[in-house]
């Protein structure tokens, strides 16, 4: 599943490839991905241009003249740029056809991704944007903020870190890595974390996400590259997907457990 670093990589790559190109037409093959009126969706985008691409958490925000197009990749969503004459592949569900003979094609094997067209003045009123918590790079993400959000929570910190309304953009991969770097057990109750532990989470989340963005994200079985970009942060993973391998710190074997239904990797010795 693409997380903040992967979505940011997609954003930066698309910005170099599709901005200020007139959209000739929009072809909707699987309508359920679109959470807007289909007729309006096509009419607004036709003869329009993407003038910028923003991001909030895991949401891509394509800027048009008077609207924004919100796009969430969910589990398996990807974007590809292809020649318009190329045959449409099985899992290509939404096609933005440009006048220059190229397409931006949304590919999603599980069809979980979503797109939504909104007026510019309504961006900060949408539930999708309002629900986003602070990002790891946000200077207002402080230990006191986390302690307040964690207060009274009798659920594992791993589960809480996946809550996009608290920290926006962290997913399963980076939550494992952040907790390992912070030496915090993933099943520890979030409400029991002290200010110093919260500070470690913030410091390591920022460092890990920035490094992952620099490396183009993480390419593993659950998230493969698109747009010709392959991430390399998997070469830096310390615990995720390393079950049975020695810990890089203490040489104990990395364990895998289920936390909130999600596979979770950690070192029992380093994360007591």
C-alpha atoms as a PDB file:
ATOM      1  CA  UNK A   1       0.000   0.000   0.000  1.00  0.00           C
ATOM      2  CA  UNK A   2       1.441   3.413  -0.923  1.00  0.00           C
ATOM      3  CA  UNK A   3       2.240   5.563   2.102  1.00  0.00           C
ATOM      4  CA  UNK A   4       3.251   9.212   2.384  1.00  0.00           C
ATOM      5  CA  UNK A   5       6.694   8.726   0.828  1.00  0.00           C
ATOM      6  CA  UNK A   6       5.308   6.802  -2.142  1.00  0.00           C
ATOM      7  CA  UNK A   7       2.496   9.297  -2.741  1.00  0.00           C
ATOM      8  CA  UNK A   8       4.971  12.170  -2.560  1.00  0.00           C
ATOM      9  CA  UNK A   9       7.154  10.376  -5.139  1.00  0.00           C
ATOM     10  CA  UNK A  10       4.140   9.979  -7.446  1.00  0.00           C
ATOM     11  CA  UNK A  11       3.291  13.661  -6.982  1.00  0.00           C
ATOM     12  CA  UNK A  12       6.801  14.851  -7.843  1.00  0.00           C
ATOM     13  CA  UNK A  13       7.042  12.556 -10.857  1.00  0.00           C
ATOM     14  CA  UNK A  14       3.647  13.578 -12.245  1.00  0.00           C
ATOM     15  CA  UNK A  15       4.489  17.259 -11.833  1.00  0.00           C
ATOM     16  CA  UNK A  16       7.361  16.790 -14.283  1.00  0.00           C
ATOM     17  CA  UNK A  17       5.182  14.979 -16.812  1.00  0.00           C
ATOM     18  CA  UNK A  18       1.608  16.276 -17.038  1.00  0.00           C
ATOM     19  CA  UNK A  19       1.323  19.892 -15.910  1.00  0.00           C
ATOM     20  CA  UNK A  20      -0.180  22.469 -18.302  1.00  0.00           C
ATOM     21  CA  UNK A  21      -1.228  19.871 -20.884  1.00  0.00           C
ATOM     22  CA  UNK A  22      -4.771  20.279 -22.220  1.00  0.00           C
ATOM     23  CA  UNK A  23      -7.106  17.382 -21.428  1.00  0.00           C
ATOM     24  CA  UNK A  24      -8.918  16.287 -24.582  1.00  0.00           C
ATOM     25  CA  UNK A  25     -11.341  13.909 -22.881  1.00  0.00           C
ATOM     26  CA  UNK A  26     -11.843  11.701 -19.826  1.00  0.00           C
ATOM     27  CA  UNK A  27     -12.714   8.032 -20.262  1.00  0.00           C
ATOM     28  CA  UNK A  28     -14.369   6.384 -17.263  1.00  0.00           C
ATOM     29  CA  UNK A  29     -14.294   2.600 -17.455  1.00  0.00           C
ATOM     30  CA  UNK A  30     -15.090   1.813 -13.806  1.00  0.00           C
ATOM     31  CA  UNK A  31     -17.422   4.578 -12.539  1.00  0.00           C
ATOM     32  CA  UNK A  32     -17.418   3.537  -8.850  1.00  0.00           C
ATOM     33  CA  UNK A  33     -13.948   5.060  -8.417  1.00  0.00           C
ATOM     34  CA  UNK A  34     -15.473   8.497  -9.032  1.00  0.00           C
ATOM     35  CA  UNK A  35     -17.295   9.993  -6.036  1.00  0.00           C
ATOM     36  CA  UNK A  36     -18.642  12.957  -8.028  1.00  0.00           C
ATOM     37  CA  UNK A  37     -21.357  13.364 -10.636  1.00  0.00           C
ATOM     38  CA  UNK A  38     -19.910  11.648 -13.708  1.00  0.00           C
ATOM     39  CA  UNK A  39     -21.257  14.167 -16.212  1.00  0.00           C
ATOM     40  CA  UNK A  40     -19.854  17.095 -14.225  1.00  0.00           C
ATOM     41  CA  UNK A  41     -16.561  15.246 -13.743  1.00  0.00           C
ATOM     42  CA  UNK A  42     -16.077  14.896 -17.495  1.00  0.00           C
ATOM     43  CA  UNK A  43     -17.286  18.414 -18.326  1.00  0.00           C
ATOM     44  CA  UNK A  44     -15.009  20.129 -15.798  1.00  0.00           C
ATOM     45  CA  UNK A  45     -11.921  18.204 -16.872  1.00  0.00           C
ATOM     46  CA  UNK A  46     -12.445  18.444 -20.637  1.00  0.00           C
ATOM     47  CA  UNK A  47     -10.289  21.251 -22.137  1.00  0.00           C
ATOM     48  CA  UNK A  48      -8.883  21.915 -18.657  1.00  0.00           C
ATOM     49  CA  UNK A  49      -5.283  21.523 -17.462  1.00  0.00           C
ATOM     50  CA  UNK A  50      -3.561  20.303 -14.316  1.00  0.00           C
ATOM     51  CA  UNK A  51      -1.695  23.426 -13.195  1.00  0.00           C
ATOM     52  CA  UNK A  52      -0.195  21.950 -10.037  1.00  0.00           C
ATOM     53  CA  UNK A  53      -0.298  18.802  -7.902  1.00  0.00           C
ATOM     54  CA  UNK A  54      -0.446  19.086  -4.126  1.00  0.00           C
ATOM     55  CA  UNK A  55      -0.620  16.449  -1.406  1.00  0.00           C
ATOM     56  CA  UNK A  56      -2.245  16.112   2.005  1.00  0.00           C
ATOM     57  CA  UNK A  57      -1.391  12.914   3.838  1.00  0.00           C
ATOM     58  CA  UNK A  58      -1.971  10.142   1.309  1.00  0.00           C
ATOM     59  CA  UNK A  59      -4.303  12.267  -0.850  1.00  0.00           C
ATOM     60  CA  UNK A  60      -3.066  13.611  -4.188  1.00  0.00           C
ATOM     61  CA  UNK A  61      -4.661  16.979  -4.997  1.00  0.00           C
ATOM     62  CA  UNK A  62      -4.653  17.840  -8.706  1.00  0.00           C
ATOM     63  CA  UNK A  63      -5.187  21.579  -9.170  1.00  0.00           C
ATOM     64  CA  UNK A  64      -7.379  22.751 -12.053  1.00  0.00           C
ATOM     65  CA  UNK A  65      -8.552  26.267 -12.900  1.00  0.00           C
ATOM     66  CA  UNK A  66     -11.545  26.420 -10.546  1.00  0.00           C
ATOM     67  CA  UNK A  67     -11.506  22.942  -9.008  1.00  0.00           C
ATOM     68  CA  UNK A  68      -9.339  20.363  -7.283  1.00  0.00           C
ATOM     69  CA  UNK A  69      -9.372  16.685  -8.131  1.00  0.00           C
ATOM     70  CA  UNK A  70      -8.736  14.577  -5.020  1.00  0.00           C
ATOM     71  CA  UNK A  71      -7.230  11.146  -5.628  1.00  0.00           C
ATOM     72  CA  UNK A  72      -6.502   8.420  -3.087  1.00  0.00           C
ATOM     73  CA  UNK A  73      -4.551   5.357  -4.275  1.00  0.00           C
ATOM     74  CA  UNK A  74      -5.743   3.136  -1.389  1.00  0.00           C
ATOM     75  CA  UNK A  75      -4.222  -0.370  -1.579  1.00  0.00           C
ATOM     76  CA  UNK A  76      -3.045  -0.854  -5.161  1.00  0.00           C
ATOM     77  CA  UNK A  77      -3.680   2.362  -7.108  1.00  0.00           C
ATOM     78  CA  UNK A  78      -1.056   3.533  -9.587  1.00  0.00           C
ATOM     79  CA  UNK A  79      -0.732   6.111 -12.346  1.00  0.00           C
ATOM     80  CA  UNK A  80       0.834   5.400 -15.735  1.00  0.00           C
ATOM     81  CA  UNK A  81       1.600   7.699 -18.671  1.00  0.00           C
ATOM     82  CA  UNK A  82       1.089   5.956 -21.992  1.00  0.00           C
ATOM     83  CA  UNK A  83       0.686   6.706 -25.687  1.00  0.00           C
ATOM     84  CA  UNK A  84      -3.005   7.223 -26.427  1.00  0.00           C
ATOM     85  CA  UNK A  85      -2.829   4.603 -29.185  1.00  0.00           C
ATOM     86  CA  UNK A  86      -1.679   1.936 -26.740  1.00  0.00           C
ATOM     87  CA  UNK A  87      -4.302  -0.681 -25.920  1.00  0.00           C
ATOM     88  CA  UNK A  88      -6.095  -0.117 -22.616  1.00  0.00           C
ATOM     89  CA  UNK A  89      -4.859  -2.647 -20.052  1.00  0.00           C
ATOM     90  CA  UNK A  90      -7.156  -4.786 -17.912  1.00  0.00           C
ATOM     91  CA  UNK A  91      -6.959  -2.747 -14.704  1.00  0.00           C
ATOM     92  CA  UNK A  92      -6.871   0.764 -16.224  1.00  0.00           C
ATOM     93  CA  UNK A  93     -10.132   2.307 -15.021  1.00  0.00           C
ATOM     94  CA  UNK A  94      -9.852   6.089 -15.528  1.00  0.00           C
ATOM     95  CA  UNK A  95      -8.073   7.670 -18.504  1.00  0.00           C
ATOM     96  CA  UNK A  96      -7.200  11.353 -18.874  1.00  0.00           C
ATOM     97  CA  UNK A  97      -6.443  11.820 -22.580  1.00  0.00           C
ATOM     98  CA  UNK A  98      -4.251  14.809 -23.446  1.00  0.00           C
ATOM     99  CA  UNK A  99      -4.161  16.673 -26.772  1.00  0.00           C
ATOM    100  CA  UNK A 100      -0.481  15.795 -27.260  1.00  0.00           C
ATOM    101  CA  UNK A 101      -1.313  12.119 -27.835  1.00  0.00           C
ATOM    102  CA  UNK A 102      -0.521  10.812 -24.364  1.00  0.00           C
ATOM    103  CA  UNK A 103      -2.737   9.528 -21.553  1.00  0.00           C
ATOM    104  CA  UNK A 104      -2.610   9.606 -17.786  1.00  0.00           C
ATOM    105  CA  UNK A 105      -4.139   6.266 -16.816  1.00  0.00           C
ATOM    106  CA  UNK A 106      -5.283   5.237 -13.358  1.00  0.00           C
ATOM    107  CA  UNK A 107      -4.606   1.538 -12.750  1.00  0.00           C
ATOM    108  CA  UNK A 108      -6.047  -0.290  -9.739  1.00  0.00           C
ATOM    109  CA  UNK A 109      -6.240  -4.089  -9.530  1.00  0.00           C
ATOM    110  CA  UNK A 110      -8.504  -4.005  -6.451  1.00  0.00           C
ATOM    111  CA  UNK A 111     -10.588  -0.965  -7.485  1.00  0.00           C
ATOM    112  CA  UNK A 112     -10.366   0.554  -3.982  1.00  0.00           C
ATOM    113  CA  UNK A 113      -8.996   3.934  -5.096  1.00  0.00           C
ATOM    114  CA  UNK A 114     -11.193   7.012  -5.088  1.00  0.00           C
ATOM    115  CA  UNK A 115     -11.401  10.327  -6.981  1.00  0.00           C
ATOM    116  CA  UNK A 116     -13.503  13.340  -6.108  1.00  0.00           C
ATOM    117  CA  UNK A 117     -13.935  16.697  -7.826  1.00  0.00           C
ATOM    118  CA  UNK A 118     -14.453  19.737  -5.570  1.00  0.00           C
ATOM    119  CA  UNK A 119     -14.543  23.495  -6.016  1.00  0.00           C
ATOM    120  CA  UNK A 120     -11.417  25.276  -4.866  1.00  0.00           C
ATOM    121  CA  UNK A 121     -13.156  27.231  -2.140  1.00  0.00           C
ATOM    122  CA  UNK A 122     -14.437  23.969  -0.644  1.00  0.00           C
ATOM    123  CA  UNK A 123     -11.074  22.203  -0.250  1.00  0.00           C
ATOM    124  CA  UNK A 124     -10.668  22.733   3.490  1.00  0.00           C
ATOM    125  CA  UNK A 125     -14.340  21.969   4.079  1.00  0.00           C
ATOM    126  CA  UNK A 126     -14.133  18.425   2.701  1.00  0.00           C
ATOM    127  CA  UNK A 127     -14.169  15.600   5.218  1.00  0.00           C
ATOM    128  CA  UNK A 128     -11.191  13.982   3.461  1.00  0.00           C
ATOM    129  CA  UNK A 129      -8.955  16.994   4.171  1.00  0.00           C
ATOM    130  CA  UNK A 130     -10.437  17.916   7.542  1.00  0.00           C
ATOM    131  CA  UNK A 131      -9.709  14.436   8.884  1.00  0.00           C
ATOM    132  CA  UNK A 132      -5.992  14.566   8.104  1.00  0.00           C
ATOM    133  CA  UNK A 133      -3.750  14.823  11.162  1.00  0.00           C
ATOM    134  CA  UNK A 134      -0.365  16.497  11.295  1.00  0.00           C
ATOM    135  CA  UNK A 135       2.360  15.179   8.997  1.00  0.00           C
ATOM    136  CA  UNK A 136       5.717  13.958  10.337  1.00  0.00           C
ATOM    137  CA  UNK A 137       7.478  17.001   8.823  1.00  0.00           C
ATOM    138  CA  UNK A 138       5.030  19.457  10.395  1.00  0.00           C
ATOM    139  CA  UNK A 139       6.686  21.707  12.996  1.00  0.00           C
ATOM    140  CA  UNK A 140       3.422  21.765  14.945  1.00  0.00           C
ATOM    141  CA  UNK A 141       3.675  18.002  15.529  1.00  0.00           C
ATOM    142  CA  UNK A 142       4.908  18.151  19.125  1.00  0.00           C
ATOM    143  CA  UNK A 143       5.189  15.672  22.028  1.00  0.00           C
ATOM    144  CA  UNK A 144       2.409  17.506  23.861  1.00  0.00           C
ATOM    145  CA  UNK A 145       0.158  17.197  20.793  1.00  0.00           C
ATOM    146  CA  UNK A 146       0.749  13.431  20.666  1.00  0.00           C
ATOM    147  CA  UNK A 147       0.259  12.971  24.396  1.00  0.00           C
ATOM    148  CA  UNK A 148      -3.046  14.775  24.156  1.00  0.00           C
ATOM    149  CA  UNK A 149      -4.134  12.591  21.228  1.00  0.00           C
ATOM    150  CA  UNK A 150      -2.925   9.410  22.982  1.00  0.00           C
ATOM    151  CA  UNK A 151      -4.529  10.245  26.334  1.00  0.00           C
ATOM    152  CA  UNK A 152      -6.728   7.469  27.658  1.00  0.00           C
ATOM    153  CA  UNK A 153      -6.180   5.190  24.667  1.00  0.00           C
ATOM    154  CA  UNK A 154      -5.957   1.563  25.808  1.00  0.00           C
ATOM    155  CA  UNK A 155      -5.026   0.288  22.374  1.00  0.00           C
ATOM    156  CA  UNK A 156      -1.576  -0.538  20.928  1.00  0.00           C
ATOM    157  CA  UNK A 157       0.595   2.355  19.777  1.00  0.00           C
ATOM    158  CA  UNK A 158       1.051   0.557  16.428  1.00  0.00           C
ATOM    159  CA  UNK A 159      -2.699   0.779  15.796  1.00  0.00           C
ATOM    160  CA  UNK A 160      -2.814   4.432  16.832  1.00  0.00           C
ATOM    161  CA  UNK A 161       0.070   5.377  14.516  1.00  0.00           C
ATOM    162  CA  UNK A 162      -2.034   4.125  11.600  1.00  0.00           C
ATOM    163  CA  UNK A 163      -4.813   6.558  12.506  1.00  0.00           C
ATOM    164  CA  UNK A 164      -4.584   9.247   9.805  1.00  0.00           C
ATOM    165  CA  UNK A 165      -6.451  11.715  12.009  1.00  0.00           C
ATOM    166  CA  UNK A 166      -3.493  11.793  14.436  1.00  0.00           C
ATOM    167  CA  UNK A 167      -0.401  11.509  12.230  1.00  0.00           C
ATOM    168  CA  UNK A 168      -1.143  11.799   8.542  1.00  0.00           C
ATOM    169  CA  UNK A 169       0.722   9.643   6.041  1.00  0.00           C
ATOM    170  CA  UNK A 170       2.165   6.837   8.167  1.00  0.00           C
ATOM    171  CA  UNK A 171       1.190   3.334   7.123  1.00  0.00           C
ATOM    172  CA  UNK A 172       2.146  -0.187   8.122  1.00  0.00           C
ATOM    173  CA  UNK A 173       5.715  -0.121   6.815  1.00  0.00           C
ATOM    174  CA  UNK A 174       6.836   3.160   8.345  1.00  0.00           C
ATOM    175  CA  UNK A 175       4.943   2.632  11.613  1.00  0.00           C
ATOM    176  CA  UNK A 176       7.033  -0.513  12.173  1.00  0.00           C
ATOM    177  CA  UNK A 177      10.230   1.333  11.325  1.00  0.00           C
ATOM    178  CA  UNK A 178       9.405   4.354  13.503  1.00  0.00           C
ATOM    179  CA  UNK A 179       8.610   2.198  16.537  1.00  0.00           C
ATOM    180  CA  UNK A 180      11.822   0.197  16.112  1.00  0.00           C
ATOM    181  CA  UNK A 181      13.933   3.351  15.815  1.00  0.00           C
ATOM    182  CA  UNK A 182      12.124   4.736  18.876  1.00  0.00           C
ATOM    183  CA  UNK A 183      12.641   1.484  20.858  1.00  0.00           C
ATOM    184  CA  UNK A 184       8.930   1.253  21.649  1.00  0.00           C
ATOM    185  CA  UNK A 185       7.041  -2.047  21.707  1.00  0.00           C
ATOM    186  CA  UNK A 186       4.208  -1.984  19.137  1.00  0.00           C
ATOM    187  CA  UNK A 187       1.673  -3.444  21.588  1.00  0.00           C
ATOM    188  CA  UNK A 188       2.311  -0.869  24.323  1.00  0.00           C
ATOM    189  CA  UNK A 189      -0.848   1.110  25.042  1.00  0.00           C
ATOM    190  CA  UNK A 190      -0.667   4.520  23.383  1.00  0.00           C
ATOM    191  CA  UNK A 191      -2.028   6.169  26.514  1.00  0.00           C
ATOM    192  CA  UNK A 192       0.972   4.947  28.508  1.00  0.00           C
ATOM    193  CA  UNK A 193       3.598   6.739  26.401  1.00  0.00           C
ATOM    194  CA  UNK A 194       5.443   9.557  28.151  1.00  0.00           C
ATOM    195  CA  UNK A 195       6.590  12.858  26.638  1.00  0.00           C
ATOM    196  CA  UNK A 196      10.105  11.583  25.913  1.00  0.00           C
ATOM    197  CA  UNK A 197       8.766   8.563  24.005  1.00  0.00           C
ATOM    198  CA  UNK A 198       6.461  10.827  21.998  1.00  0.00           C
ATOM    199  CA  UNK A 199       9.459  13.015  21.165  1.00  0.00           C
ATOM    200  CA  UNK A 200      11.321   9.954  19.863  1.00  0.00           C
ATOM    201  CA  UNK A 201       8.381   9.001  17.657  1.00  0.00           C
ATOM    202  CA  UNK A 202       8.283  12.496  16.132  1.00  0.00           C
ATOM    203  CA  UNK A 203      12.050  12.661  15.548  1.00  0.00           C
ATOM    204  CA  UNK A 204      12.236   9.221  13.939  1.00  0.00           C
ATOM    205  CA  UNK A 205       9.063   9.608  11.898  1.00  0.00           C
ATOM    206  CA  UNK A 206      10.438  12.788  10.336  1.00  0.00           C
ATOM    207  CA  UNK A 207      13.884  11.289   9.628  1.00  0.00           C
ATOM    208  CA  UNK A 208      12.484   8.048   8.196  1.00  0.00           C
ATOM    209  CA  UNK A 209       9.864   9.683   5.975  1.00  0.00           C
ATOM    210  CA  UNK A 210      12.336  12.250   4.600  1.00  0.00           C
ATOM    211  CA  UNK A 211      14.848   9.485   3.818  1.00  0.00           C
ATOM    212  CA  UNK A 212      12.115   7.379   2.203  1.00  0.00           C
ATOM    213  CA  UNK A 213      11.077  10.320   0.008  1.00  0.00           C
ATOM    214  CA  UNK A 214      14.712  10.833  -0.974  1.00  0.00           C
ATOM    215  CA  UNK A 215      14.903   7.153  -1.979  1.00  0.00           C
ATOM    216  CA  UNK A 216      11.665   7.252  -3.977  1.00  0.00           C
ATOM    217  CA  UNK A 217       9.660   5.302  -1.408  1.00  0.00           C
ATOM    218  CA  UNK A 218       9.610   1.576  -0.700  1.00  0.00           C
ATOM    219  CA  UNK A 219       9.017  -0.997  -3.433  1.00  0.00           C
ATOM    220  CA  UNK A 220       7.836  -4.326  -1.997  1.00  0.00           C
ATOM    221  CA  UNK A 221       5.235  -6.888  -3.007  1.00  0.00           C
ATOM    222  CA  UNK A 222       2.353  -4.844  -1.574  1.00  0.00           C
ATOM    223  CA  UNK A 223       3.403  -1.723  -3.439  1.00  0.00           C
ATOM    224  CA  UNK A 224       5.212  -1.793  -6.769  1.00  0.00           C
ATOM    225  CA  UNK A 225       6.442   1.096  -8.826  1.00  0.00           C
ATOM    226  CA  UNK A 226       4.531   3.061 -11.429  1.00  0.00           C
ATOM    227  CA  UNK A 227       5.488   5.922 -13.749  1.00  0.00           C
ATOM    228  CA  UNK A 228       8.823   4.193 -14.283  1.00  0.00           C
ATOM    229  CA  UNK A 229       9.881   4.980 -10.704  1.00  0.00           C
ATOM    230  CA  UNK A 230      11.208   2.257  -8.420  1.00  0.00           C
ATOM    231  CA  UNK A 231      11.739   3.105  -4.768  1.00  0.00           C
ATOM    232  CA  UNK A 232      14.826   1.970  -2.886  1.00  0.00           C
ATOM    233  CA  UNK A 233      13.960   2.544   0.764  1.00  0.00           C
ATOM    234  CA  UNK A 234      13.377  -1.208   1.151  1.00  0.00           C
ATOM    235  CA  UNK A 235      17.181  -1.436   1.297  1.00  0.00           C
ATOM    236  CA  UNK A 236      17.050   0.576   4.543  1.00  0.00           C
ATOM    237  CA  UNK A 237      14.260  -1.290   6.349  1.00  0.00           C
ATOM    238  CA  UNK A 238      15.343  -2.464   9.807  1.00  0.00           C
ATOM    239  CA  UNK A 239      12.364  -4.629  10.833  1.00  0.00           C
ATOM    240  CA  UNK A 240       9.515  -4.602   8.301  1.00  0.00           C
ATOM    241  CA  UNK A 241       9.390  -7.877   6.325  1.00  0.00           C
ATOM    242  CA  UNK A 242      12.506  -9.132   8.191  1.00  0.00           C
ATOM    243  CA  UNK A 243      10.870 -11.884  10.234  1.00  0.00           C
ATOM    244  CA  UNK A 244      13.449 -14.455  11.365  1.00  0.00           C
ATOM    245  CA  UNK A 245      16.423 -12.280  10.415  1.00  0.00           C
ATOM    246  CA  UNK A 246      18.843 -10.895  13.024  1.00  0.00           C
ATOM    247  CA  UNK A 247      18.170  -7.467  14.488  1.00  0.00           C
ATOM    248  CA  UNK A 248      20.627  -4.899  13.164  1.00  0.00           C
ATOM    249  CA  UNK A 249      21.259  -3.742  16.740  1.00  0.00           C
ATOM    250  CA  UNK A 250      21.303  -6.804  19.008  1.00  0.00           C
ATOM    251  CA  UNK A 251      21.221  -9.793  16.611  1.00  0.00           C
ATOM    252  CA  UNK A 252      18.040 -11.191  18.199  1.00  0.00           C
ATOM    253  CA  UNK A 253      15.624 -12.563  15.615  1.00  0.00           C
ATOM    254  CA  UNK A 254      12.948 -10.210  14.322  1.00  0.00           C
ATOM    255  CA  UNK A 255       9.421 -11.321  15.253  1.00  0.00           C
ATOM    256  CA  UNK A 256       6.150 -10.920  13.385  1.00  0.00           C
ATOM    257  CA  UNK A 257       2.816 -10.602  15.180  1.00  0.00           C
ATOM    258  CA  UNK A 258      -0.647  -9.320  14.324  1.00  0.00           C
ATOM    259  CA  UNK A 259      -1.659  -5.965  15.801  1.00  0.00           C
ATOM    260  CA  UNK A 260      -5.101  -4.713  14.890  1.00  0.00           C
ATOM    261  CA  UNK A 261      -5.178  -7.225  12.061  1.00  0.00           C
ATOM    262  CA  UNK A 262      -1.938  -5.883  10.543  1.00  0.00           C
ATOM    263  CA  UNK A 263       1.349  -7.791  10.285  1.00  0.00           C
ATOM    264  CA  UNK A 264       3.772  -6.097  12.648  1.00  0.00           C
ATOM    265  CA  UNK A 265       7.522  -6.621  12.802  1.00  0.00           C
ATOM    266  CA  UNK A 266       9.668  -5.802  15.829  1.00  0.00           C
ATOM    267  CA  UNK A 267      12.619  -6.839  18.011  1.00  0.00           C
ATOM    268  CA  UNK A 268      11.580  -8.213  21.411  1.00  0.00           C
ATOM    269  CA  UNK A 269      14.952  -7.258  22.924  1.00  0.00           C
ATOM    270  CA  UNK A 270      15.228  -3.686  21.589  1.00  0.00           C
ATOM    271  CA  UNK A 271      11.513  -2.917  21.935  1.00  0.00           C
ATOM    272  CA  UNK A 272      10.703  -4.212  25.404  1.00  0.00           C
END
